[in-house]
Amino acid sequence: MPAQAERRGSSTALANELRPVLVRLARELRKETSHLGVTGSQATLLWQISENPGIGLRALAELEGIATPTVSGLVDRLGRAELVVRVRSQTDRRRVGLTITPAGARLLVAVRARRTVWLAERLERLAPSERAAIEVALAPLAGLIVDGRS
């Protein structure tokens, strides 16, 4: 089998080529949040909190696959920036949940907009056939995310 055909047929070879591209793309998109005063990790937590109002630190850590103390530190910074607030449960006074503030919601809109502009500018540089190829690849790429987390 010719080397190119073998490479095309190998999931491992494709994964080795695709992985660094996706990592670099994600890194570049995360950089766009720094101009808004938050890290990529903080923006991700902010989004998770907006999608799961009242979520606790432990559940948030599990959802993101990171240690609870790490989440706690990130949430503390979000709290100091008045982007999230801790709210005591009405039914269980020991339980504290997280909610996004209006300022946090505005920041999320700005993060999404900035990332979209960054990506749209780069997509615009591609030939129409290259953009079409990316469009065709969207559904299969989304299918790689089985459990809804990246």
C-alpha atoms as a PDB file:
ATOM      1  CA  MET A   1       0.000   0.000   0.000  1.00  0.00           C
ATOM      2  CA  PRO A   2       1.435   3.441  -0.865  1.00  0.00           C
ATOM      3  CA  ALA A   3       2.499   5.553   2.124  1.00  0.00           C
ATOM      4  CA  GLN A   4      -0.103   8.275   1.470  1.00  0.00           C
ATOM      5  CA  ALA A   5      -2.958   5.762   1.202  1.00  0.00           C
ATOM      6  CA  GLU A   6      -1.740   3.998   4.348  1.00  0.00           C
ATOM      7  CA  ARG A   7      -1.595   7.313   6.216  1.00  0.00           C
ATOM      8  CA  ARG A   8      -5.094   8.193   5.019  1.00  0.00           C
ATOM      9  CA  GLY A   9      -6.494   4.903   6.255  1.00  0.00           C
ATOM     10  CA  SER A  10      -4.869   4.940   9.684  1.00  0.00           C
ATOM     11  CA  SER A  11      -6.849   6.413  12.568  1.00  0.00           C
ATOM     12  CA  THR A  12      -3.641   6.717  14.588  1.00  0.00           C
ATOM     13  CA  ALA A  13      -1.867   8.642  11.839  1.00  0.00           C
ATOM     14  CA  LEU A  14      -4.878  10.935  11.412  1.00  0.00           C
ATOM     15  CA  ALA A  15      -5.077  11.466  15.170  1.00  0.00           C
ATOM     16  CA  ASN A  16      -1.385  12.381  15.247  1.00  0.00           C
ATOM     17  CA  GLU A  17      -1.969  15.034  12.586  1.00  0.00           C
ATOM     18  CA  LEU A  18      -5.284  16.320  13.924  1.00  0.00           C
ATOM     19  CA  ARG A  19      -4.394  16.544  17.639  1.00  0.00           C
ATOM     20  CA  PRO A  20      -1.748  19.287  17.407  1.00  0.00           C
ATOM     21  CA  VAL A  21      -3.964  21.317  15.074  1.00  0.00           C
ATOM     22  CA  LEU A  22      -6.873  21.162  17.505  1.00  0.00           C
ATOM     23  CA  VAL A  23      -4.634  21.916  20.494  1.00  0.00           C
ATOM     24  CA  ARG A  24      -3.146  24.942  18.756  1.00  0.00           C
ATOM     25  CA  LEU A  25      -6.559  26.175  17.622  1.00  0.00           C
ATOM     26  CA  ALA A  26      -7.950  25.853  21.156  1.00  0.00           C
ATOM     27  CA  ARG A  27      -4.903  27.652  22.564  1.00  0.00           C
ATOM     28  CA  GLU A  28      -5.311  30.535  20.123  1.00  0.00           C
ATOM     29  CA  LEU A  29      -9.004  30.873  20.959  1.00  0.00           C
ATOM     30  CA  ARG A  30      -8.231  30.821  24.708  1.00  0.00           C
ATOM     31  CA  LYS A  31      -5.715  33.641  24.193  1.00  0.00           C
ATOM     32  CA  GLU A  32      -8.532  35.848  22.981  1.00  0.00           C
ATOM     33  CA  THR A  33     -10.022  35.878  26.492  1.00  0.00           C
ATOM     34  CA  SER A  34      -6.911  37.404  28.061  1.00  0.00           C
ATOM     35  CA  HIS A  35      -7.703  40.728  26.375  1.00  0.00           C
ATOM     36  CA  LEU A  36     -10.918  40.736  28.394  1.00  0.00           C
ATOM     37  CA  GLY A  37      -9.222  40.178  31.742  1.00  0.00           C
ATOM     38  CA  VAL A  38      -9.959  36.476  32.260  1.00  0.00           C
ATOM     39  CA  THR A  39      -8.100  33.297  31.480  1.00  0.00           C
ATOM     40  CA  GLY A  40      -9.458  30.597  29.211  1.00  0.00           C
ATOM     41  CA  SER A  41     -10.060  28.397  32.260  1.00  0.00           C
ATOM     42  CA  GLN A  42     -12.004  31.135  34.014  1.00  0.00           C
ATOM     43  CA  ALA A  43     -14.109  31.720  30.889  1.00  0.00           C
ATOM     44  CA  THR A  44     -14.873  28.002  30.701  1.00  0.00           C
ATOM     45  CA  LEU A  45     -15.944  27.892  34.351  1.00  0.00           C
ATOM     46  CA  LEU A  46     -18.029  31.010  33.857  1.00  0.00           C
ATOM     47  CA  TRP A  47     -19.812  29.324  30.956  1.00  0.00           C
ATOM     48  CA  GLN A  48     -20.389  26.143  32.986  1.00  0.00           C
ATOM     49  CA  ILE A  49     -21.825  28.163  35.875  1.00  0.00           C
ATOM     50  CA  SER A  50     -24.118  30.039  33.473  1.00  0.00           C
ATOM     51  CA  GLU A  51     -25.334  26.707  32.063  1.00  0.00           C
ATOM     52  CA  ASN A  52     -25.719  25.131  35.529  1.00  0.00           C
ATOM     53  CA  PRO A  53     -26.971  27.831  37.928  1.00  0.00           C
ATOM     54  CA  GLY A  54     -26.500  26.813  41.553  1.00  0.00           C
ATOM     55  CA  ILE A  55     -23.768  24.283  40.767  1.00  0.00           C
ATOM     56  CA  GLY A  56     -21.415  23.514  43.644  1.00  0.00           C
ATOM     57  CA  LEU A  57     -17.625  23.556  43.539  1.00  0.00           C
ATOM     58  CA  ARG A  58     -17.286  19.766  43.647  1.00  0.00           C
ATOM     59  CA  ALA A  59     -19.765  19.234  40.802  1.00  0.00           C
ATOM     60  CA  LEU A  60     -18.083  21.985  38.776  1.00  0.00           C
ATOM     61  CA  ALA A  61     -14.692  20.356  39.319  1.00  0.00           C
ATOM     62  CA  GLU A  62     -16.075  16.963  38.229  1.00  0.00           C
ATOM     63  CA  LEU A  63     -17.697  18.494  35.170  1.00  0.00           C
ATOM     64  CA  GLU A  64     -14.400  20.057  34.096  1.00  0.00           C
ATOM     65  CA  GLY A  65     -12.215  17.140  35.191  1.00  0.00           C
ATOM     66  CA  ILE A  66     -10.010  19.247  37.453  1.00  0.00           C
ATOM     67  CA  ALA A  67      -9.266  19.267  41.168  1.00  0.00           C
ATOM     68  CA  THR A  68     -11.730  20.957  43.503  1.00  0.00           C
ATOM     69  CA  PRO A  69      -9.025  23.210  45.060  1.00  0.00           C
ATOM     70  CA  THR A  70      -8.105  24.413  41.562  1.00  0.00           C
ATOM     71  CA  VAL A  71     -11.737  25.229  40.805  1.00  0.00           C
ATOM     72  CA  SER A  72     -12.059  26.932  44.164  1.00  0.00           C
ATOM     73  CA  GLY A  73      -9.154  29.270  43.396  1.00  0.00           C
ATOM     74  CA  LEU A  74     -10.510  30.100  39.947  1.00  0.00           C
ATOM     75  CA  VAL A  75     -13.988  30.730  41.349  1.00  0.00           C
ATOM     76  CA  ASP A  76     -12.526  32.936  44.102  1.00  0.00           C
ATOM     77  CA  ARG A  77     -10.979  35.126  41.403  1.00  0.00           C
ATOM     78  CA  LEU A  78     -14.255  35.208  39.478  1.00  0.00           C
ATOM     79  CA  GLY A  79     -16.006  36.195  42.686  1.00  0.00           C
ATOM     80  CA  ARG A  80     -13.544  39.005  43.424  1.00  0.00           C
ATOM     81  CA  ALA A  81     -14.144  40.277  39.892  1.00  0.00           C
ATOM     82  CA  GLU A  82     -17.904  40.187  40.650  1.00  0.00           C
ATOM     83  CA  LEU A  83     -18.543  37.775  37.776  1.00  0.00           C
ATOM     84  CA  VAL A  84     -20.035  35.017  39.975  1.00  0.00           C
ATOM     85  CA  VAL A  85     -21.618  34.898  43.408  1.00  0.00           C
ATOM     86  CA  ARG A  86     -21.949  32.147  45.958  1.00  0.00           C
ATOM     87  CA  VAL A  87     -25.546  31.553  47.008  1.00  0.00           C
ATOM     88  CA  ARG A  88     -26.589  29.520  50.036  1.00  0.00           C
ATOM     89  CA  SER A  89     -29.238  26.882  49.326  1.00  0.00           C
ATOM     90  CA  GLN A  90     -32.683  27.630  50.736  1.00  0.00           C
ATOM     91  CA  THR A  91     -33.256  23.938  51.479  1.00  0.00           C
ATOM     92  CA  ASP A  92     -29.813  22.964  52.810  1.00  0.00           C
ATOM     93  CA  ARG A  93     -27.986  25.815  54.532  1.00  0.00           C
ATOM     94  CA  ARG A  94     -24.715  23.864  54.312  1.00  0.00           C
ATOM     95  CA  ARG A  95     -24.821  23.817  50.532  1.00  0.00           C
ATOM     96  CA  VAL A  96     -23.480  26.771  48.558  1.00  0.00           C
ATOM     97  CA  GLY A  97     -24.074  27.090  44.834  1.00  0.00           C
ATOM     98  CA  LEU A  98     -22.631  29.380  42.208  1.00  0.00           C
ATOM     99  CA  THR A  99     -24.488  31.748  39.926  1.00  0.00           C
ATOM    100  CA  ILE A 100     -23.282  34.124  37.272  1.00  0.00           C
ATOM    101  CA  THR A 101     -23.787  37.858  37.751  1.00  0.00           C
ATOM    102  CA  PRO A 102     -25.023  40.242  35.055  1.00  0.00           C
ATOM    103  CA  ALA A 103     -21.395  41.392  34.642  1.00  0.00           C
ATOM    104  CA  GLY A 104     -20.355  37.757  34.183  1.00  0.00           C
ATOM    105  CA  ALA A 105     -23.057  37.239  31.570  1.00  0.00           C
ATOM    106  CA  ARG A 106     -21.883  40.344  29.688  1.00  0.00           C
ATOM    107  CA  LEU A 107     -18.306  39.094  29.824  1.00  0.00           C
ATOM    108  CA  LEU A 108     -19.355  35.723  28.398  1.00  0.00           C
ATOM    109  CA  VAL A 109     -21.041  37.491  25.481  1.00  0.00           C
ATOM    110  CA  ALA A 110     -17.829  39.463  24.892  1.00  0.00           C
ATOM    111  CA  VAL A 111     -15.689  36.301  25.067  1.00  0.00           C
ATOM    112  CA  ARG A 112     -17.880  34.510  22.539  1.00  0.00           C
ATOM    113  CA  ALA A 113     -17.921  37.518  20.226  1.00  0.00           C
ATOM    114  CA  ARG A 114     -14.167  38.003  20.369  1.00  0.00           C
ATOM    115  CA  ARG A 115     -13.488  34.313  19.696  1.00  0.00           C
ATOM    116  CA  THR A 116     -16.001  34.268  16.842  1.00  0.00           C
ATOM    117  CA  VAL A 117     -14.415  37.315  15.212  1.00  0.00           C
ATOM    118  CA  TRP A 118     -10.945  35.775  15.553  1.00  0.00           C
ATOM    119  CA  LEU A 119     -12.077  32.530  13.948  1.00  0.00           C
ATOM    120  CA  ALA A 120     -14.200  34.182  11.243  1.00  0.00           C
ATOM    121  CA  GLU A 121     -11.251  36.338  10.182  1.00  0.00           C
ATOM    122  CA  ARG A 122      -9.103  33.255   9.711  1.00  0.00           C
ATOM    123  CA  LEU A 123     -11.831  31.303   7.925  1.00  0.00           C
ATOM    124  CA  GLU A 124     -12.251  34.245   5.547  1.00  0.00           C
ATOM    125  CA  ARG A 125      -8.612  33.807   4.466  1.00  0.00           C
ATOM    126  CA  LEU A 126      -9.317  30.284   3.216  1.00  0.00           C
ATOM    127  CA  ALA A 127     -10.435  29.369  -0.238  1.00  0.00           C
ATOM    128  CA  PRO A 128     -14.170  28.620  -0.553  1.00  0.00           C
ATOM    129  CA  SER A 129     -13.373  24.925  -1.090  1.00  0.00           C
ATOM    130  CA  GLU A 130     -11.341  24.860   2.150  1.00  0.00           C
ATOM    131  CA  ARG A 131     -14.193  26.473   4.106  1.00  0.00           C
ATOM    132  CA  ALA A 132     -16.584  23.945   2.573  1.00  0.00           C
ATOM    133  CA  ALA A 133     -14.295  21.092   3.680  1.00  0.00           C
ATOM    134  CA  ILE A 134     -14.321  22.441   7.241  1.00  0.00           C
ATOM    135  CA  GLU A 135     -18.097  22.733   7.135  1.00  0.00           C
ATOM    136  CA  VAL A 136     -18.395  19.100   6.020  1.00  0.00           C
ATOM    137  CA  ALA A 137     -16.016  18.038   8.822  1.00  0.00           C
ATOM    138  CA  LEU A 138     -17.998  19.781  11.586  1.00  0.00           C
ATOM    139  CA  ALA A 139     -20.517  17.001  12.202  1.00  0.00           C
ATOM    140  CA  PRO A 140     -17.935  14.193  12.344  1.00  0.00           C
ATOM    141  CA  LEU A 141     -15.697  16.277  14.626  1.00  0.00           C
ATOM    142  CA  ALA A 142     -18.630  17.036  16.920  1.00  0.00           C
ATOM    143  CA  GLY A 143     -19.354  13.304  16.971  1.00  0.00           C
ATOM    144  CA  LEU A 144     -15.929  12.709  18.530  1.00  0.00           C
ATOM    145  CA  ILE A 145     -17.151  14.409  21.706  1.00  0.00           C
ATOM    146  CA  VAL A 146     -19.178  11.545  23.093  1.00  0.00           C
ATOM    147  CA  ASP A 147     -19.942  12.797  26.591  1.00  0.00           C
ATOM    148  CA  GLY A 148     -20.396  16.487  25.827  1.00  0.00           C
ATOM    149  CA  ARG A 149     -17.022  17.534  27.282  1.00  0.00           C
ATOM    150  CA  SER A 150     -13.877  18.350  25.393  1.00  0.00           C
END
